[in-house]
Amino acid sequence: MLWAAEMPLSPAQVQSVLDDLAYNTVHTILTRLTEKGELERVIHEGRPAYVPVRDAAQYAADQMRAALDAGPDRTEILATFVTNLSADEELSLRALLRKGRRR
């Protein structure tokens, strides 16, 4: 939700979208994510609000890197990953690899 937001969101704004969670629960989660370095607490329109430190693509890439680092066989992990790509995803990956080699 914070990645999709065009501005920082207050705990109350986050809670209003996640109406199945209590305000205190949302506030605790936001505080913990800030302590872990995933979010930044800012003042927006005079109130505390939160923004992600990384965009969604960087977060996903970091998770992929962590999975590679944690696995016993990187080649096997990559092989399994690429064999599950759609045709369009495979074309995108090939184009990105070609582009990366030219740099």
PDB file of N, CA and C in Angstrom:
ATOM      1  N   MET A   1       0.813  -1.184   0.000  1.00  0.00           N
ATOM      2  CA  MET A   1       0.000   0.000   0.000  1.00  0.00           C
ATOM      3  C   MET A   1       0.862   1.256   0.000  1.00  0.00           C
ATOM      4  N   LEU A   2       1.929   1.265   0.794  1.00  0.00           N
ATOM      5  CA  LEU A   2       2.801   2.438   0.848  1.00  0.00           C
ATOM      6  C   LEU A   2       3.535   2.640  -0.475  1.00  0.00           C
ATOM      7  N   TRP A   3       3.885   1.544  -1.166  1.00  0.00           N
ATOM      8  CA  TRP A   3       4.545   1.683  -2.467  1.00  0.00           C
ATOM      9  C   TRP A   3       3.615   2.333  -3.485  1.00  0.00           C
ATOM     10  N   ALA A   4       2.346   2.026  -3.410  1.00  0.00           N
ATOM     11  CA  ALA A   4       1.386   2.560  -4.388  1.00  0.00           C
ATOM     12  C   ALA A   4       0.945   3.982  -4.070  1.00  0.00           C
ATOM     13  N   ALA A   5       1.169   4.413  -2.844  1.00  0.00           N
ATOM     14  CA  ALA A   5       0.711   5.742  -2.430  1.00  0.00           C
ATOM     15  C   ALA A   5       1.550   6.832  -3.084  1.00  0.00           C
ATOM     16  N   GLU A   6       0.904   7.924  -3.406  1.00  0.00           N
ATOM     17  CA  GLU A   6       1.592   9.057  -4.025  1.00  0.00           C
ATOM     18  C   GLU A   6       2.200   9.998  -2.991  1.00  0.00           C
ATOM     19  N   MET A   7       1.933   9.728  -1.718  1.00  0.00           N
ATOM     20  CA  MET A   7       2.438  10.572  -0.638  1.00  0.00           C
ATOM     21  C   MET A   7       2.630   9.698   0.596  1.00  0.00           C
ATOM     22  N   PRO A   8       3.339  10.209   1.592  1.00  0.00           N
ATOM     23  CA  PRO A   8       3.458   9.454   2.839  1.00  0.00           C
ATOM     24  C   PRO A   8       2.075   9.223   3.452  1.00  0.00           C
ATOM     25  N   LEU A   9       1.915   8.087   4.127  1.00  0.00           N
ATOM     26  CA  LEU A   9       0.633   7.760   4.746  1.00  0.00           C
ATOM     27  C   LEU A   9       0.780   7.700   6.263  1.00  0.00           C
ATOM     28  N   SER A  10      -0.230   8.228   6.941  1.00  0.00           N
ATOM     29  CA  SER A  10      -0.266   8.161   8.402  1.00  0.00           C
ATOM     30  C   SER A  10      -0.757   6.775   8.818  1.00  0.00           C
ATOM     31  N   PRO A  11      -0.507   6.400  10.068  1.00  0.00           N
ATOM     32  CA  PRO A  11      -1.050   5.128  10.538  1.00  0.00           C
ATOM     33  C   PRO A  11      -2.580   5.045  10.369  1.00  0.00           C
ATOM     34  N   ALA A  12      -3.265   6.138  10.601  1.00  0.00           N
ATOM     35  CA  ALA A  12      -4.725   6.135  10.451  1.00  0.00           C
ATOM     36  C   ALA A  12      -5.132   5.883   8.999  1.00  0.00           C
ATOM     37  N   GLN A  13      -4.389   6.462   8.045  1.00  0.00           N
ATOM     38  CA  GLN A  13      -4.698   6.230   6.633  1.00  0.00           C
ATOM     39  C   GLN A  13      -4.456   4.772   6.245  1.00  0.00           C
ATOM     40  N   VAL A  14      -3.375   4.206   6.751  1.00  0.00           N
ATOM     41  CA  VAL A  14      -3.094   2.795   6.474  1.00  0.00           C
ATOM     42  C   VAL A  14      -4.186   1.928   7.096  1.00  0.00           C
ATOM     43  N   GLN A  15      -4.539   2.210   8.335  1.00  0.00           N
ATOM     44  CA  GLN A  15      -5.544   1.422   9.033  1.00  0.00           C
ATOM     45  C   GLN A  15      -6.907   1.510   8.351  1.00  0.00           C
ATOM     46  N   SER A  16      -7.223   2.659   7.760  1.00  0.00           N
ATOM     47  CA  SER A  16      -8.532   2.799   7.101  1.00  0.00           C
ATOM     48  C   SER A  16      -8.659   1.871   5.898  1.00  0.00           C
ATOM     49  N   VAL A  17      -7.539   1.568   5.256  1.00  0.00           N
ATOM     50  CA  VAL A  17      -7.569   0.634   4.135  1.00  0.00           C
ATOM     51  C   VAL A  17      -7.569  -0.807   4.644  1.00  0.00           C
ATOM     52  N   LEU A  18      -6.812  -1.047   5.703  1.00  0.00           N
ATOM     53  CA  LEU A  18      -6.729  -2.380   6.312  1.00  0.00           C
ATOM     54  C   LEU A  18      -7.702  -2.445   7.475  1.00  0.00           C
ATOM     55  N   ASP A  19      -8.976  -2.273   7.193  1.00  0.00           N
ATOM     56  CA  ASP A  19      -9.959  -2.131   8.266  1.00  0.00           C
ATOM     57  C   ASP A  19     -10.129  -3.374   9.128  1.00  0.00           C
ATOM     58  N   ASP A  20      -9.524  -4.486   8.748  1.00  0.00           N
ATOM     59  CA  ASP A  20      -9.622  -5.682   9.580  1.00  0.00           C
ATOM     60  C   ASP A  20      -8.552  -5.703  10.674  1.00  0.00           C
ATOM     61  N   LEU A  21      -7.647  -4.720  10.667  1.00  0.00           N
ATOM     62  CA  LEU A  21      -6.612  -4.612  11.692  1.00  0.00           C
ATOM     63  C   LEU A  21      -6.883  -3.396  12.576  1.00  0.00           C
ATOM     64  N   ALA A  22      -6.633  -3.561  13.850  1.00  0.00           N
ATOM     65  CA  ALA A  22      -6.802  -2.449  14.788  1.00  0.00           C
ATOM     66  C   ALA A  22      -5.729  -1.391  14.547  1.00  0.00           C
ATOM     67  N   TYR A  23      -6.058  -0.153  14.887  1.00  0.00           N
ATOM     68  CA  TYR A  23      -5.112   0.951  14.729  1.00  0.00           C
ATOM     69  C   TYR A  23      -3.807   0.654  15.452  1.00  0.00           C
ATOM     70  N   ASN A  24      -3.878   0.169  16.689  1.00  0.00           N
ATOM     71  CA  ASN A  24      -2.657  -0.112  17.461  1.00  0.00           C
ATOM     72  C   ASN A  24      -1.785  -1.155  16.768  1.00  0.00           C
ATOM     73  N   THR A  25      -2.402  -2.141  16.159  1.00  0.00           N
ATOM     74  CA  THR A  25      -1.657  -3.169  15.432  1.00  0.00           C
ATOM     75  C   THR A  25      -0.932  -2.557  14.241  1.00  0.00           C
ATOM     76  N   VAL A  26      -1.636  -1.721  13.484  1.00  0.00           N
ATOM     77  CA  VAL A  26      -1.030  -1.058  12.321  1.00  0.00           C
ATOM     78  C   VAL A  26       0.119  -0.169  12.776  1.00  0.00           C
ATOM     79  N   HIS A  27      -0.081   0.587  13.833  1.00  0.00           N
ATOM     80  CA  HIS A  27       0.966   1.475  14.330  1.00  0.00           C
ATOM     81  C   HIS A  27       2.190   0.675  14.769  1.00  0.00           C
ATOM     82  N   THR A  28       1.975  -0.434  15.454  1.00  0.00           N
ATOM     83  CA  THR A  28       3.081  -1.286  15.891  1.00  0.00           C
ATOM     84  C   THR A  28       3.848  -1.839  14.701  1.00  0.00           C
ATOM     85  N   ILE A  29       3.138  -2.297  13.687  1.00  0.00           N
ATOM     86  CA  ILE A  29       3.797  -2.841  12.493  1.00  0.00           C
ATOM     87  C   ILE A  29       4.617  -1.760  11.796  1.00  0.00           C
ATOM     88  N   LEU A  30       4.049  -0.579  11.642  1.00  0.00           N
ATOM     89  CA  LEU A  30       4.778   0.524  11.002  1.00  0.00           C
ATOM     90  C   LEU A  30       6.021   0.894  11.799  1.00  0.00           C
ATOM     91  N   THR A  31       5.898   0.919  13.110  1.00  0.00           N
ATOM     92  CA  THR A  31       7.045   1.237  13.970  1.00  0.00           C
ATOM     93  C   THR A  31       8.135   0.182  13.820  1.00  0.00           C
ATOM     94  N   ARG A  32       7.754  -1.074  13.826  1.00  0.00           N
ATOM     95  CA  ARG A  32       8.746  -2.151  13.695  1.00  0.00           C
ATOM     96  C   ARG A  32       9.419  -2.140  12.324  1.00  0.00           C
ATOM     97  N   LEU A  33       8.656  -1.876  11.284  1.00  0.00           N
ATOM     98  CA  LEU A  33       9.255  -1.789   9.943  1.00  0.00           C
ATOM     99  C   LEU A  33      10.216  -0.601   9.852  1.00  0.00           C
ATOM    100  N   THR A  34       9.918   0.471  10.572  1.00  0.00           N
ATOM    101  CA  THR A  34      10.824   1.622  10.623  1.00  0.00           C
ATOM    102  C   THR A  34      12.099   1.248  11.362  1.00  0.00           C
ATOM    103  N   GLU A  35      11.968   0.554  12.483  1.00  0.00           N
ATOM    104  CA  GLU A  35      13.139   0.121  13.250  1.00  0.00           C
ATOM    105  C   GLU A  35      14.027  -0.827  12.446  1.00  0.00           C
ATOM    106  N   LYS A  36      13.428  -1.614  11.551  1.00  0.00           N
ATOM    107  CA  LYS A  36      14.191  -2.538  10.706  1.00  0.00           C
ATOM    108  C   LYS A  36      14.771  -1.861   9.464  1.00  0.00           C
ATOM    109  N   GLY A  37      14.472  -0.590   9.282  1.00  0.00           N
ATOM    110  CA  GLY A  37      15.009   0.142   8.146  1.00  0.00           C
ATOM    111  C   GLY A  37      14.223  -0.015   6.858  1.00  0.00           C
ATOM    112  N   GLU A  38      13.028  -0.567   6.937  1.00  0.00           N
ATOM    113  CA  GLU A  38      12.201  -0.757   5.743  1.00  0.00           C
ATOM    114  C   GLU A  38      11.364   0.478   5.416  1.00  0.00           C
ATOM    115  N   LEU A  39      11.013   1.240   6.439  1.00  0.00           N
ATOM    116  CA  LEU A  39      10.216   2.454   6.274  1.00  0.00           C
ATOM    117  C   LEU A  39      10.944   3.627   6.898  1.00  0.00           C
ATOM    118  N   GLU A  40      10.552   4.812   6.471  1.00  0.00           N
ATOM    119  CA  GLU A  40      11.060   6.035   7.086  1.00  0.00           C
ATOM    120  C   GLU A  40       9.867   6.809   7.627  1.00  0.00           C
ATOM    121  N   ARG A  41      10.002   7.292   8.833  1.00  0.00           N
ATOM    122  CA  ARG A  41       8.960   8.110   9.459  1.00  0.00           C
ATOM    123  C   ARG A  41       9.245   9.563   9.109  1.00  0.00           C
ATOM    124  N   VAL A  42       8.251  10.234   8.547  1.00  0.00           N
ATOM    125  CA  VAL A  42       8.377  11.632   8.146  1.00  0.00           C
ATOM    126  C   VAL A  42       7.188  12.407   8.713  1.00  0.00           C
ATOM    127  N   ILE A  43       7.289  13.710   8.656  1.00  0.00           N
ATOM    128  CA  ILE A  43       6.141  14.549   9.008  1.00  0.00           C
ATOM    129  C   ILE A  43       5.505  15.010   7.702  1.00  0.00           C
ATOM    130  N   HIS A  44       4.239  14.686   7.542  1.00  0.00           N
ATOM    131  CA  HIS A  44       3.499  15.059   6.332  1.00  0.00           C
ATOM    132  C   HIS A  44       2.207  15.746   6.775  1.00  0.00           C
ATOM    133  N   GLU A  45       2.039  16.976   6.316  1.00  0.00           N
ATOM    134  CA  GLU A  45       0.874  17.785   6.685  1.00  0.00           C
ATOM    135  C   GLU A  45       0.722  17.862   8.206  1.00  0.00           C
ATOM    136  N   GLY A  46       1.866  18.001   8.885  1.00  0.00           N
ATOM    137  CA  GLY A  46       1.871  18.178  10.321  1.00  0.00           C
ATOM    138  C   GLY A  46       1.695  16.913  11.154  1.00  0.00           C
ATOM    139  N   ARG A  47       1.630  15.756  10.501  1.00  0.00           N
ATOM    140  CA  ARG A  47       1.428  14.495  11.223  1.00  0.00           C
ATOM    141  C   ARG A  47       2.511  13.492  10.862  1.00  0.00           C
ATOM    142  N   PRO A  48       2.812  12.574  11.793  1.00  0.00           N
ATOM    143  CA  PRO A  48       3.737  11.497  11.448  1.00  0.00           C
ATOM    144  C   PRO A  48       3.144  10.625  10.343  1.00  0.00           C
ATOM    145  N   ALA A  49       3.994  10.281   9.389  1.00  0.00           N
ATOM    146  CA  ALA A  49       3.562   9.441   8.273  1.00  0.00           C
ATOM    147  C   ALA A  49       4.749   8.566   7.872  1.00  0.00           C
ATOM    148  N   TYR A  50       4.505   7.621   7.006  1.00  0.00           N
ATOM    149  CA  TYR A  50       5.528   6.640   6.650  1.00  0.00           C
ATOM    150  C   TYR A  50       5.670   6.509   5.139  1.00  0.00           C
ATOM    151  N   VAL A  51       6.923   6.298   4.723  1.00  0.00           N
ATOM    152  CA  VAL A  51       7.234   6.047   3.313  1.00  0.00           C
ATOM    153  C   VAL A  51       8.222   4.870   3.252  1.00  0.00           C
ATOM    154  N   PRO A  52       8.153   4.081   2.194  1.00  0.00           N
ATOM    155  CA  PRO A  52       9.121   2.990   2.056  1.00  0.00           C
ATOM    156  C   PRO A  52      10.510   3.536   1.767  1.00  0.00           C
ATOM    157  N   VAL A  53      11.528   2.863   2.261  1.00  0.00           N
ATOM    158  CA  VAL A  53      12.909   3.250   2.011  1.00  0.00           C
ATOM    159  C   VAL A  53      13.319   2.810   0.604  1.00  0.00           C
ATOM    160  N   ARG A  54      12.821   1.652   0.169  1.00  0.00           N
ATOM    161  CA  ARG A  54      13.131   1.114  -1.162  1.00  0.00           C
ATOM    162  C   ARG A  54      11.837   0.975  -1.941  1.00  0.00           C
ATOM    163  N   ASP A  55      11.931   1.048  -3.263  1.00  0.00           N
ATOM    164  CA  ASP A  55      10.737   0.811  -4.061  1.00  0.00           C
ATOM    165  C   ASP A  55      10.474  -0.694  -4.140  1.00  0.00           C
ATOM    166  N   ALA A  56       9.312  -1.058  -4.660  1.00  0.00           N
ATOM    167  CA  ALA A  56       8.900  -2.462  -4.692  1.00  0.00           C
ATOM    168  C   ALA A  56       9.858  -3.327  -5.508  1.00  0.00           C
ATOM    169  N   ALA A  57      10.371  -2.802  -6.603  1.00  0.00           N
ATOM    170  CA  ALA A  57      11.295  -3.576  -7.438  1.00  0.00           C
ATOM    171  C   ALA A  57      12.594  -3.857  -6.694  1.00  0.00           C
ATOM    172  N   GLN A  58      13.116  -2.867  -5.989  1.00  0.00           N
ATOM    173  CA  GLN A  58      14.356  -3.072  -5.234  1.00  0.00           C
ATOM    174  C   GLN A  58      14.136  -4.055  -4.095  1.00  0.00           C
ATOM    175  N   TYR A  59      12.981  -3.963  -3.436  1.00  0.00           N
ATOM    176  CA  TYR A  59      12.666  -4.905  -2.360  1.00  0.00           C
ATOM    177  C   TYR A  59      12.631  -6.334  -2.901  1.00  0.00           C
ATOM    178  N   ALA A  60      11.953  -6.537  -4.023  1.00  0.00           N
ATOM    179  CA  ALA A  60      11.868  -7.879  -4.614  1.00  0.00           C
ATOM    180  C   ALA A  60      13.248  -8.378  -5.026  1.00  0.00           C
ATOM    181  N   ALA A  61      14.051  -7.502  -5.620  1.00  0.00           N
ATOM    182  CA  ALA A  61      15.408  -7.893  -6.022  1.00  0.00           C
ATOM    183  C   ALA A  61      16.249  -8.279  -4.810  1.00  0.00           C
ATOM    184  N   ASP A  62      16.095  -7.543  -3.714  1.00  0.00           N
ATOM    185  CA  ASP A  62      16.822  -7.871  -2.490  1.00  0.00           C
ATOM    186  C   ASP A  62      16.383  -9.225  -1.936  1.00  0.00           C
ATOM    187  N   GLN A  63      15.093  -9.527  -2.031  1.00  0.00           N
ATOM    188  CA  GLN A  63      14.593 -10.824  -1.581  1.00  0.00           C
ATOM    189  C   GLN A  63      15.144 -11.961  -2.448  1.00  0.00           C
ATOM    190  N   MET A  64      15.221 -11.713  -3.749  1.00  0.00           N
ATOM    191  CA  MET A  64      15.789 -12.717  -4.657  1.00  0.00           C
ATOM    192  C   MET A  64      17.259 -12.953  -4.342  1.00  0.00           C
ATOM    193  N   ARG A  65      17.988 -11.879  -4.075  1.00  0.00           N
ATOM    194  CA  ARG A  65      19.406 -11.998  -3.723  1.00  0.00           C
ATOM    195  C   ARG A  65      19.559 -12.780  -2.422  1.00  0.00           C
ATOM    196  N   ALA A  66      18.707 -12.514  -1.444  1.00  0.00           N
ATOM    197  CA  ALA A  66      18.763 -13.238  -0.170  1.00  0.00           C
ATOM    198  C   ALA A  66      18.483 -14.723  -0.372  1.00  0.00           C
ATOM    199  N   ALA A  67      17.545 -15.053  -1.259  1.00  0.00           N
ATOM    200  CA  ALA A  67      17.257 -16.458  -1.536  1.00  0.00           C
ATOM    201  C   ALA A  67      18.456 -17.135  -2.184  1.00  0.00           C
ATOM    202  N   LEU A  68      19.111 -16.446  -3.104  1.00  0.00           N
ATOM    203  CA  LEU A  68      20.320 -17.005  -3.723  1.00  0.00           C
ATOM    204  C   LEU A  68      21.426 -17.201  -2.700  1.00  0.00           C
ATOM    205  N   ASP A  69      21.607 -16.218  -1.831  1.00  0.00           N
ATOM    206  CA  ASP A  69      22.667 -16.297  -0.823  1.00  0.00           C
ATOM    207  C   ASP A  69      22.412 -17.400   0.196  1.00  0.00           C
ATOM    208  N   ALA A  70      21.145 -17.684   0.464  1.00  0.00           N
ATOM    209  CA  ALA A  70      20.801 -18.684   1.484  1.00  0.00           C
ATOM    210  C   ALA A  70      20.822 -20.112   0.944  1.00  0.00           C
ATOM    211  N   GLY A  71      20.710 -20.263  -0.364  1.00  0.00           N
ATOM    212  CA  GLY A  71      20.622 -21.597  -0.943  1.00  0.00           C
ATOM    213  C   GLY A  71      21.958 -22.286  -1.072  1.00  0.00           C
ATOM    214  N   PRO A  72      21.927 -23.614  -1.096  1.00  0.00           N
ATOM    215  CA  PRO A  72      23.173 -24.364  -1.195  1.00  0.00           C
ATOM    216  C   PRO A  72      23.765 -24.378  -2.611  1.00  0.00           C
ATOM    217  N   ASP A  73      22.921 -24.173  -3.632  1.00  0.00           N
ATOM    218  CA  ASP A  73      23.388 -24.278  -5.021  1.00  0.00           C
ATOM    219  C   ASP A  73      22.733 -23.177  -5.856  1.00  0.00           C
ATOM    220  N   ARG A  74      23.462 -22.085  -6.044  1.00  0.00           N
ATOM    221  CA  ARG A  74      22.913 -20.939  -6.790  1.00  0.00           C
ATOM    222  C   ARG A  74      22.510 -21.311  -8.213  1.00  0.00           C
ATOM    223  N   THR A  75      23.308 -22.123  -8.864  1.00  0.00           N
ATOM    224  CA  THR A  75      23.002 -22.511 -10.244  1.00  0.00           C
ATOM    225  C   THR A  75      21.671 -23.244 -10.309  1.00  0.00           C
ATOM    226  N   GLU A  76      21.449 -24.147  -9.383  1.00  0.00           N
ATOM    227  CA  GLU A  76      20.183 -24.892  -9.356  1.00  0.00           C
ATOM    228  C   GLU A  76      18.998 -23.971  -9.072  1.00  0.00           C
ATOM    229  N   ILE A  77      19.199 -23.030  -8.158  1.00  0.00           N
ATOM    230  CA  ILE A  77      18.129 -22.076  -7.845  1.00  0.00           C
ATOM    231  C   ILE A  77      17.793 -21.247  -9.078  1.00  0.00           C
ATOM    232  N   LEU A  78      18.821 -20.727  -9.749  1.00  0.00           N
ATOM    233  CA  LEU A  78      18.586 -19.933 -10.961  1.00  0.00           C
ATOM    234  C   LEU A  78      17.946 -20.768 -12.061  1.00  0.00           C
ATOM    235  N   ALA A  79      18.401 -21.996 -12.220  1.00  0.00           N
ATOM    236  CA  ALA A  79      17.834 -22.877 -13.254  1.00  0.00           C
ATOM    237  C   ALA A  79      16.353 -23.121 -12.991  1.00  0.00           C
ATOM    238  N   THR A  80      16.016 -23.376 -11.757  1.00  0.00           N
ATOM    239  CA  THR A  80      14.609 -23.603 -11.409  1.00  0.00           C
ATOM    240  C   THR A  80      13.789 -22.344 -11.640  1.00  0.00           C
ATOM    241  N   PHE A  81      14.358 -21.202 -11.272  1.00  0.00           N
ATOM    242  CA  PHE A  81      13.653 -19.937 -11.464  1.00  0.00           C
ATOM    243  C   PHE A  81      13.372 -19.682 -12.939  1.00  0.00           C
ATOM    244  N   VAL A  82      14.380 -19.791 -13.783  1.00  0.00           N
ATOM    245  CA  VAL A  82      14.191 -19.438 -15.195  1.00  0.00           C
ATOM    246  C   VAL A  82      13.314 -20.444 -15.934  1.00  0.00           C
ATOM    247  N   THR A  83      13.295 -21.694 -15.508  1.00  0.00           N
ATOM    248  CA  THR A  83      12.419 -22.660 -16.188  1.00  0.00           C
ATOM    249  C   THR A  83      10.952 -22.409 -15.874  1.00  0.00           C
ATOM    250  N   ASN A  84      10.677 -21.605 -14.858  1.00  0.00           N
ATOM    251  CA  ASN A  84       9.292 -21.277 -14.506  1.00  0.00           C
ATOM    252  C   ASN A  84       8.847 -19.926 -15.041  1.00  0.00           C
ATOM    253  N   LEU A  85       9.687 -19.261 -15.824  1.00  0.00           N
ATOM    254  CA  LEU A  85       9.312 -17.974 -16.401  1.00  0.00           C
ATOM    255  C   LEU A  85       8.354 -18.172 -17.564  1.00  0.00           C
ATOM    256  N   SER A  86       7.467 -17.220 -17.754  1.00  0.00           N
ATOM    257  CA  SER A  86       6.617 -17.222 -18.952  1.00  0.00           C
ATOM    258  C   SER A  86       7.486 -16.836 -20.150  1.00  0.00           C
ATOM    259  N   ALA A  87       6.959 -17.019 -21.339  1.00  0.00           N
ATOM    260  CA  ALA A  87       7.705 -16.671 -22.547  1.00  0.00           C
ATOM    261  C   ALA A  87       8.056 -15.179 -22.555  1.00  0.00           C
ATOM    262  N   ASP A  88       7.121 -14.340 -22.162  1.00  0.00           N
ATOM    263  CA  ASP A  88       7.377 -12.898 -22.131  1.00  0.00           C
ATOM    264  C   ASP A  88       8.428 -12.540 -21.086  1.00  0.00           C
ATOM    265  N   GLU A  89       8.359 -13.189 -19.923  1.00  0.00           N
ATOM    266  CA  GLU A  89       9.357 -12.934 -18.875  1.00  0.00           C
ATOM    267  C   GLU A  89      10.745 -13.373 -19.327  1.00  0.00           C
ATOM    268  N   GLU A  90      10.796 -14.487 -20.035  1.00  0.00           N
ATOM    269  CA  GLU A  90      12.086 -14.976 -20.540  1.00  0.00           C
ATOM    270  C   GLU A  90      12.671 -13.992 -21.550  1.00  0.00           C
ATOM    271  N   LEU A  91      11.834 -13.477 -22.441  1.00  0.00           N
ATOM    272  CA  LEU A  91      12.308 -12.480 -23.408  1.00  0.00           C
ATOM    273  C   LEU A  91      12.820 -11.229 -22.701  1.00  0.00           C
ATOM    274  N   SER A  92      12.111 -10.792 -21.683  1.00  0.00           N
ATOM    275  CA  SER A  92      12.553  -9.618 -20.920  1.00  0.00           C
ATOM    276  C   SER A  92      13.886  -9.876 -20.239  1.00  0.00           C
ATOM    277  N   LEU A  93      14.037 -11.054 -19.647  1.00  0.00           N
ATOM    278  CA  LEU A  93      15.283 -11.393 -18.976  1.00  0.00           C
ATOM    279  C   LEU A  93      16.439 -11.451 -19.968  1.00  0.00           C
ATOM    280  N   ARG A  94      16.200 -12.069 -21.122  1.00  0.00           N
ATOM    281  CA  ARG A  94      17.261 -12.136 -22.148  1.00  0.00           C
ATOM    282  C   ARG A  94      17.681 -10.738 -22.591  1.00  0.00           C
ATOM    283  N   ALA A  95      16.712  -9.857 -22.792  1.00  0.00           N
ATOM    284  CA  ALA A  95      17.016  -8.487 -23.214  1.00  0.00           C
ATOM    285  C   ALA A  95      17.813  -7.756 -22.139  1.00  0.00           C
ATOM    286  N   LEU A  96      17.443  -7.943 -20.888  1.00  0.00           N
ATOM    287  CA  LEU A  96      18.172  -7.297 -19.790  1.00  0.00           C
ATOM    288  C   LEU A  96      19.595  -7.830 -19.675  1.00  0.00           C
ATOM    289  N   LEU A  97      19.766  -9.119 -19.865  1.00  0.00           N
ATOM    290  CA  LEU A  97      21.121  -9.706 -19.812  1.00  0.00           C
ATOM    291  C   LEU A  97      21.998  -9.184 -20.945  1.00  0.00           C
ATOM    292  N   ARG A  98      21.422  -9.078 -22.140  1.00  0.00           N
ATOM    293  CA  ARG A  98      22.177  -8.521 -23.282  1.00  0.00           C
ATOM    294  C   ARG A  98      22.563  -7.072 -22.997  1.00  0.00           C
ATOM    295  N   LYS A  99      21.619  -6.309 -22.488  1.00  0.00           N
ATOM    296  CA  LYS A  99      21.862  -4.903 -22.169  1.00  0.00           C
ATOM    297  C   LYS A  99      22.954  -4.781 -21.105  1.00  0.00           C
ATOM    298  N   GLY A 100      22.926  -5.641 -20.101  1.00  0.00           N
ATOM    299  CA  GLY A 100      23.915  -5.609 -19.033  1.00  0.00           C
ATOM    300  C   GLY A 100      25.309  -5.940 -19.523  1.00  0.00           C
ATOM    301  N   ARG A 101      25.432  -6.818 -20.478  1.00  0.00           N
ATOM    302  CA  ARG A 101      26.736  -7.191 -21.023  1.00  0.00           C
ATOM    303  C   ARG A 101      27.374  -6.079 -21.831  1.00  0.00           C
ATOM    304  N   ARG A 102      26.544  -5.223 -22.416  1.00  0.00           N
ATOM    305  CA  ARG A 102      27.060  -4.121 -23.235  1.00  0.00           C
ATOM    306  C   ARG A 102      27.632  -3.000 -22.382  1.00  0.00           C
ATOM    307  N   ARG A 103      27.310  -2.964 -21.134  1.00  0.00           N
ATOM    308  CA  ARG A 103      27.783  -1.874 -20.244  1.00  0.00           C
ATOM    309  C   ARG A 103      29.207  -2.034 -19.900  1.00  0.00           C
TER     310      ARG A 103
END
